[in-house]
Amino acid sequence: MFVSDVAFVGVQQRSRNNKKIVREFSRYAFCAAIFMAMASCGPEKEVATPTGPVPLSYVGVESCSGCHEEQYRAWRGSHHDLAMQHATPATVLGDFSGVEFENYGVTSTFLERNGTYFVRTDNASGELQEFPVKFVFGVTPLQQYLIEFPGGRLQSLPIAWDTRDADEGGQRWFHLYADEYISHTDLLHWTGREQNWNYQCAECHSTNLQKNYSVDSDSFDTTWSEINVACEACHGPGSRHVQQANDGDLFGLAGLVTDLDDAGRAVWQMNTDTGIANRSELRMHPPAQPEACGRCHSRRSVASQEY
């Protein structure tokens, strides 16, 4: 047998083997198709839709008071509690008995009628106009007053009430820019952007504040969960914490987004020369309390609307 004959026989053998493989593959493919067709005739099964974590929500201070009564009592009447309030006879501390206050030629008058408070002062055109007071801002050592404007704006009056006792120099009206004339065309005039509550002040005086500014309409639809600085302003949204507490299954951070309970890891030391307290060491890495408190008690700008 010549080499060419051997090669020819080899080719024939490989051809027969290939045909056998194709027949076997076709048989298995046919069976698989029958199986899949039969499976598709059965009852449909529900496919589980993957879900993400349940969004956290704000539950309000009353949801906290049931378990944390001592902390709730300590908070009531505090600066945080009184950070912002509706203007009522119970909350307004200033003298609105018709008294006048003059500053650089502008005479402002403070009035009260049937439980509603008004101030007559210069408007955005420099003319005297009477405005109703919507909210009070702060409590000691001074209290400011907010006026409602179109476009969802609240503007802060530049004249504040000194809430200190009279023998300490308080119980009087004073201008925040006492040594500077602020005309109605000035950027610092109380009707302008720099004295706008939504833009400048709101975030640190209410809980879960959302500015909701519209560029298209140049207006605000500002909302909050609670008007003042309540529990969740520092601890973050508490829905998961309440759920774990109700289930009797507190674990990890007890459902909260941060751990502020680090008081036992350092001490506060008062500097008698400056009157400022300093901590002996950083208590956490990153330090939770400075991160939570520094959002408002520091020189900063807003990085995010979320807690």
Protein backbone atom coordinates (compact mmCIF):
# COMPACT_ATOMS: atom_id res chain seq x y z
CA MET A 1 0.00 0.00 0.00
CA PHE A 2 1.35 3.36 -0.98
CA VAL A 3 1.39 6.44 1.26
CA SER A 4 -1.37 8.02 -0.80
CA ASP A 5 -3.58 4.98 -0.19
CA VAL A 6 -2.99 5.22 3.54
CA ALA A 7 -3.95 8.90 3.51
CA PHE A 8 -7.12 8.14 1.57
CA VAL A 9 -8.16 5.46 4.08
CA GLY A 10 -7.53 7.91 6.95
CA VAL A 11 -9.70 10.56 5.36
CA GLN A 12 -12.55 8.06 4.90
CA GLN A 13 -12.28 7.01 8.55
CA ARG A 14 -12.40 10.64 9.80
CA SER A 15 -15.39 11.31 7.56
CA ARG A 16 -17.30 8.36 9.04
CA ASN A 17 -16.43 9.54 12.58
CA ASN A 18 -17.59 13.11 11.85
CA LYS A 19 -20.92 11.88 10.49
CA LYS A 20 -21.41 9.79 13.64
CA ILE A 21 -20.74 12.83 15.85
CA VAL A 22 -23.22 14.92 13.88
CA ARG A 23 -25.91 12.21 14.23
CA GLU A 24 -25.33 11.96 18.00
CA PHE A 25 -25.42 15.75 18.45
CA SER A 26 -28.62 16.01 16.40
CA ARG A 27 -30.25 13.32 18.55
CA TYR A 28 -29.37 15.15 21.81
CA ALA A 29 -30.43 18.51 20.40
CA PHE A 30 -33.79 17.05 19.36
CA CYS A 31 -34.37 15.60 22.83
CA ALA A 32 -33.45 18.89 24.46
CA ALA A 33 -35.89 20.76 22.23
CA ILE A 34 -38.69 18.31 23.14
CA PHE A 35 -37.91 18.74 26.85
CA MET A 36 -37.97 22.52 26.64
CA ALA A 37 -41.23 22.46 24.73
CA MET A 38 -42.84 20.22 27.36
CA ALA A 39 -41.56 22.46 30.15
CA SER A 40 -43.05 25.51 28.50
CA CYS A 41 -46.49 23.89 28.52
CA GLY A 42 -46.57 23.75 32.31
CA PRO A 43 -48.07 26.38 34.62
CA GLU A 44 -46.30 29.74 34.66
CA LYS A 45 -44.18 30.46 37.70
CA GLU A 46 -43.82 33.89 39.25
CA VAL A 47 -40.33 35.29 38.98
CA ALA A 48 -39.19 37.17 42.06
CA THR A 49 -38.45 40.80 41.32
CA PRO A 50 -35.29 41.94 43.07
CA THR A 51 -35.91 44.81 45.46
CA GLY A 52 -33.49 47.28 46.99
CA PRO A 53 -33.36 48.43 50.60
CA VAL A 54 -36.45 50.16 51.95
CA PRO A 55 -35.86 53.95 51.81
CA LEU A 56 -35.43 55.54 55.22
CA SER A 57 -37.99 58.11 56.30
CA TYR A 58 -38.42 60.68 59.06
CA VAL A 59 -40.85 59.64 61.79
CA GLY A 60 -41.02 62.74 64.01
CA VAL A 61 -40.08 63.54 67.58
CA GLU A 62 -43.25 62.04 69.04
CA SER A 63 -42.17 58.63 67.77
CA CYS A 64 -38.98 59.02 69.81
CA SER A 65 -40.46 60.33 73.05
CA GLY A 66 -42.13 57.06 74.07
CA CYS A 67 -38.82 55.26 74.61
CA HIS A 68 -36.54 58.24 75.14
CA GLU A 69 -38.61 60.27 77.60
CA GLU A 70 -35.64 61.70 79.51
CA GLN A 71 -33.97 62.95 76.33
CA TYR A 72 -37.28 64.30 75.08
CA ARG A 73 -37.81 66.33 78.26
CA ALA A 74 -34.26 67.71 78.04
CA TRP A 75 -34.85 68.73 74.43
CA ARG A 76 -38.16 70.51 75.08
CA GLY A 77 -37.53 74.23 75.47
CA SER A 78 -33.93 73.95 74.28
CA HIS A 79 -32.40 76.14 71.57
CA HIS A 80 -32.88 73.28 69.13
CA ASP A 81 -36.55 72.98 70.01
CA LEU A 82 -37.08 76.75 69.70
CA ALA A 83 -34.91 77.24 66.61
CA MET A 84 -37.95 78.24 64.53
CA GLN A 85 -41.61 78.68 65.47
CA HIS A 86 -44.80 80.15 64.13
CA ALA A 87 -45.34 83.74 65.27
CA THR A 88 -47.92 83.58 68.07
CA PRO A 89 -48.45 85.39 71.38
CA ALA A 90 -46.68 82.46 73.06
CA THR A 91 -43.57 82.63 70.87
CA VAL A 92 -43.05 86.31 70.01
CA LEU A 93 -40.68 87.90 72.53
CA GLY A 94 -40.27 91.35 70.95
CA ASP A 95 -42.23 94.49 71.78
CA PHE A 96 -44.96 94.88 69.15
CA SER A 97 -46.98 97.46 71.08
CA GLY A 98 -46.56 100.12 68.41
CA VAL A 99 -43.00 101.03 69.32
CA GLU A 100 -40.80 102.66 66.69
CA PHE A 101 -37.18 102.02 65.83
CA GLU A 102 -35.15 104.45 63.72
CA ASN A 103 -32.00 103.54 61.80
CA TYR A 104 -30.32 105.77 59.19
CA GLY A 105 -33.51 107.67 58.45
CA VAL A 106 -35.80 104.64 58.21
CA THR A 107 -38.42 104.45 60.96
CA SER A 108 -39.79 100.95 61.51
CA THR A 109 -42.93 100.36 63.58
CA PHE A 110 -43.82 97.11 65.34
CA LEU A 111 -47.53 96.37 65.72
CA GLU A 112 -49.91 93.69 66.98
CA ARG A 113 -53.56 93.28 66.04
CA ASN A 114 -55.73 90.40 67.23
CA GLY A 115 -52.81 88.10 67.84
CA THR A 116 -51.15 88.82 64.48
CA TYR A 117 -47.85 90.68 64.37
CA PHE A 118 -46.81 93.30 61.82
CA VAL A 119 -43.84 95.49 61.03
CA ARG A 120 -43.98 98.68 58.98
CA THR A 121 -40.60 99.22 57.35
CA ASP A 122 -38.88 99.95 54.03
CA ASN A 123 -39.67 97.60 51.16
CA ALA A 124 -37.63 96.67 48.08
CA SER A 125 -38.42 100.08 46.58
CA GLY A 126 -37.38 101.99 49.69
CA GLU A 127 -40.98 102.87 50.62
CA LEU A 128 -42.68 102.12 53.92
CA GLN A 129 -44.93 99.05 53.80
CA GLU A 130 -46.66 96.95 56.44
CA PHE A 131 -45.72 93.25 56.52
CA PRO A 132 -47.23 90.45 58.63
CA VAL A 133 -44.72 88.39 60.62
CA LYS A 134 -44.90 84.69 59.69
CA PHE A 135 -42.28 83.02 61.89
CA VAL A 136 -39.92 83.74 64.77
CA PHE A 137 -36.31 82.67 64.46
CA GLY A 138 -34.27 81.73 67.53
CA VAL A 139 -34.81 82.61 71.16
CA THR A 140 -31.64 83.77 72.99
CA PRO A 141 -29.72 86.02 73.05
CA LEU A 142 -31.80 87.44 70.21
CA GLN A 143 -34.90 86.68 68.21
CA GLN A 144 -35.38 87.46 64.53
CA TYR A 145 -38.57 87.64 62.50
CA LEU A 146 -39.40 86.19 59.09
CA ILE A 147 -41.67 87.81 56.50
CA GLU A 148 -43.40 85.84 53.74
CA PHE A 149 -42.82 86.99 50.16
CA PRO A 150 -44.09 85.77 46.77
CA GLY A 151 -42.31 82.82 45.21
CA GLY A 152 -42.23 80.82 48.44
CA ARG A 153 -39.60 83.12 49.93
CA LEU A 154 -39.14 84.00 53.58
CA GLN A 155 -37.06 87.10 54.29
CA SER A 156 -35.34 87.90 57.57
CA LEU A 157 -35.82 91.35 59.06
CA PRO A 158 -32.57 93.17 59.86
CA ILE A 159 -34.02 94.47 63.12
CA ALA A 160 -33.91 91.88 65.90
CA TRP A 161 -35.08 91.74 69.49
CA ASP A 162 -32.44 91.50 72.23
CA THR A 163 -33.94 88.89 74.56
CA ARG A 164 -31.50 89.43 77.43
CA ASP A 165 -32.73 91.01 80.63
CA ALA A 166 -32.90 94.81 80.69
CA ASP A 167 -30.14 95.05 83.30
CA GLU A 168 -27.88 93.18 80.86
CA GLY A 169 -28.64 95.66 78.09
CA GLY A 170 -31.45 93.63 76.54
CA GLN A 171 -35.22 94.02 76.02
CA ARG A 172 -34.70 96.35 73.07
CA TRP A 173 -34.76 96.43 69.28
CA PHE A 174 -31.42 96.67 67.48
CA HIS A 175 -30.23 96.67 63.87
CA LEU A 176 -27.90 93.89 62.74
CA TYR A 177 -25.93 96.45 60.71
CA ALA A 178 -26.07 99.22 63.30
CA ASP A 179 -23.00 101.05 61.98
CA GLU A 180 -23.71 100.63 58.29
CA TYR A 181 -26.34 102.20 56.06
CA ILE A 182 -28.11 99.49 54.03
CA SER A 183 -30.21 101.07 51.28
CA HIS A 184 -32.99 99.28 49.43
CA THR A 185 -30.63 98.83 46.46
CA ASP A 186 -27.94 97.12 48.54
CA LEU A 187 -27.39 93.36 48.21
CA LEU A 188 -27.65 93.16 52.01
CA HIS A 189 -31.09 94.78 52.12
CA TRP A 190 -33.49 92.55 53.97
CA THR A 191 -35.71 91.98 50.92
CA GLY A 192 -32.82 90.63 48.82
CA ARG A 193 -31.14 87.28 48.28
CA GLU A 194 -28.54 87.64 51.02
CA GLN A 195 -31.27 87.85 53.68
CA ASN A 196 -33.34 85.03 52.19
CA TRP A 197 -34.25 82.31 54.70
CA ASN A 198 -34.60 79.53 52.12
CA TYR A 199 -31.13 80.11 50.75
CA GLN A 200 -29.16 81.24 53.81
CA CYS A 201 -30.72 79.98 57.03
CA ALA A 202 -33.34 77.29 56.63
CA GLU A 203 -31.26 74.12 56.59
CA CYS A 204 -29.97 74.55 60.14
CA HIS A 205 -33.19 75.60 61.84
CA SER A 206 -35.55 72.80 60.74
CA THR A 207 -35.45 69.01 60.32
CA ASN A 208 -35.20 67.31 56.92
CA LEU A 209 -35.42 70.62 55.13
CA GLN A 210 -35.75 70.50 51.34
CA LYS A 211 -35.25 73.86 49.62
CA ASN A 212 -36.97 72.78 46.38
CA TYR A 213 -35.79 75.72 44.34
CA SER A 214 -37.05 75.99 40.75
CA VAL A 215 -34.69 77.65 38.31
CA ASP A 216 -37.42 77.98 35.70
CA SER A 217 -39.77 79.97 37.94
CA ASP A 218 -37.12 81.40 40.30
CA SER A 219 -39.22 80.25 43.25
CA PHE A 220 -39.07 77.98 46.28
CA ASP A 221 -41.39 75.24 47.50
CA THR A 222 -39.46 74.62 50.70
CA THR A 223 -40.62 71.80 53.00
CA TRP A 224 -39.57 70.25 56.30
CA SER A 225 -40.47 67.23 58.41
CA GLU A 226 -40.43 69.31 61.59
CA ILE A 227 -40.20 73.08 61.87
CA ASN A 228 -37.49 72.96 64.53
CA VAL A 229 -34.24 71.06 65.11
CA ALA A 230 -35.64 67.76 66.38
CA CYS A 231 -34.08 64.34 67.05
CA GLU A 232 -33.63 63.32 63.44
CA ALA A 233 -31.87 66.54 62.48
CA CYS A 234 -28.81 65.07 64.23
CA HIS A 235 -29.48 61.32 64.31
CA GLY A 236 -30.80 61.06 60.77
CA PRO A 237 -34.06 59.46 59.57
CA GLY A 238 -35.42 57.11 62.24
CA SER A 239 -37.86 54.78 60.48
CA ARG A 240 -35.55 51.74 60.58
CA HIS A 241 -34.66 52.43 64.23
CA VAL A 242 -38.35 52.52 65.19
CA GLN A 243 -39.02 49.33 63.23
CA GLN A 244 -36.20 47.47 64.96
CA ALA A 245 -37.35 48.74 68.36
CA ASN A 246 -40.92 47.62 67.68
CA ASP A 247 -39.62 44.22 66.59
CA GLY A 248 -37.47 43.96 69.73
CA ASP A 249 -34.44 43.33 67.57
CA LEU A 250 -32.00 46.24 67.86
CA PHE A 251 -28.62 45.46 66.33
CA GLY A 252 -25.65 47.23 64.79
CA LEU A 253 -26.35 50.96 64.85
CA ALA A 254 -29.88 50.19 66.08
CA GLY A 255 -31.26 51.15 62.70
CA LEU A 256 -29.71 54.62 62.73
CA VAL A 257 -27.34 55.98 60.12
CA THR A 258 -24.69 57.19 62.56
CA ASP A 259 -23.46 56.44 66.08
CA LEU A 260 -23.31 59.54 68.26
CA ASP A 261 -22.89 57.63 71.52
CA ASP A 262 -19.17 58.19 71.93
CA ALA A 263 -19.24 60.32 75.07
CA GLY A 264 -17.24 57.86 77.19
CA ARG A 265 -14.18 57.89 74.98
CA ALA A 266 -12.90 61.38 75.77
CA VAL A 267 -13.63 64.42 77.93
CA TRP A 268 -14.43 68.06 77.27
CA GLN A 269 -11.95 70.49 78.80
CA MET A 270 -12.85 74.15 79.23
CA ASN A 271 -10.22 76.72 78.28
CA THR A 272 -10.72 79.42 80.91
CA ASP A 273 -8.91 82.02 78.79
CA THR A 274 -11.10 81.63 75.70
CA GLY A 275 -14.26 80.21 77.23
CA ILE A 276 -14.24 77.49 74.58
CA ALA A 277 -14.41 73.79 75.42
CA ASN A 278 -12.06 71.39 73.64
CA ARG A 279 -12.08 67.62 73.56
CA SER A 280 -9.10 65.74 74.91
CA GLU A 281 -8.91 63.53 71.81
CA LEU A 282 -10.81 62.47 68.73
CA ARG A 283 -13.27 59.86 69.82
CA MET A 284 -14.06 58.22 66.52
CA HIS A 285 -12.50 57.82 63.12
CA PRO A 286 -14.19 59.51 61.45
CA PRO A 287 -15.44 61.42 64.51
CA ALA A 288 -19.23 61.07 64.44
CA GLN A 289 -20.22 64.02 66.61
CA PRO A 290 -18.18 66.67 64.73
CA GLU A 291 -19.48 65.28 61.45
CA ALA A 292 -23.08 65.50 62.64
CA CYS A 293 -22.83 68.82 64.48
CA GLY A 294 -20.45 70.45 62.03
CA ARG A 295 -23.12 70.43 59.35
CA CYS A 296 -24.47 73.53 61.09
CA HIS A 297 -22.04 74.52 63.83
CA SER A 298 -19.14 75.42 61.53
CA ARG A 299 -18.26 77.65 58.62
CA ARG A 300 -19.33 75.55 55.68
CA SER A 301 -21.45 75.28 52.58
CA VAL A 302 -24.04 72.68 51.66
CA ALA A 303 -22.59 69.59 49.98
CA SER A 304 -25.79 67.52 49.82
CA GLN A 305 -29.49 67.83 50.58
CA GLU A 306 -29.48 64.35 52.14
CA TYR A 307 -28.48 63.64 55.75
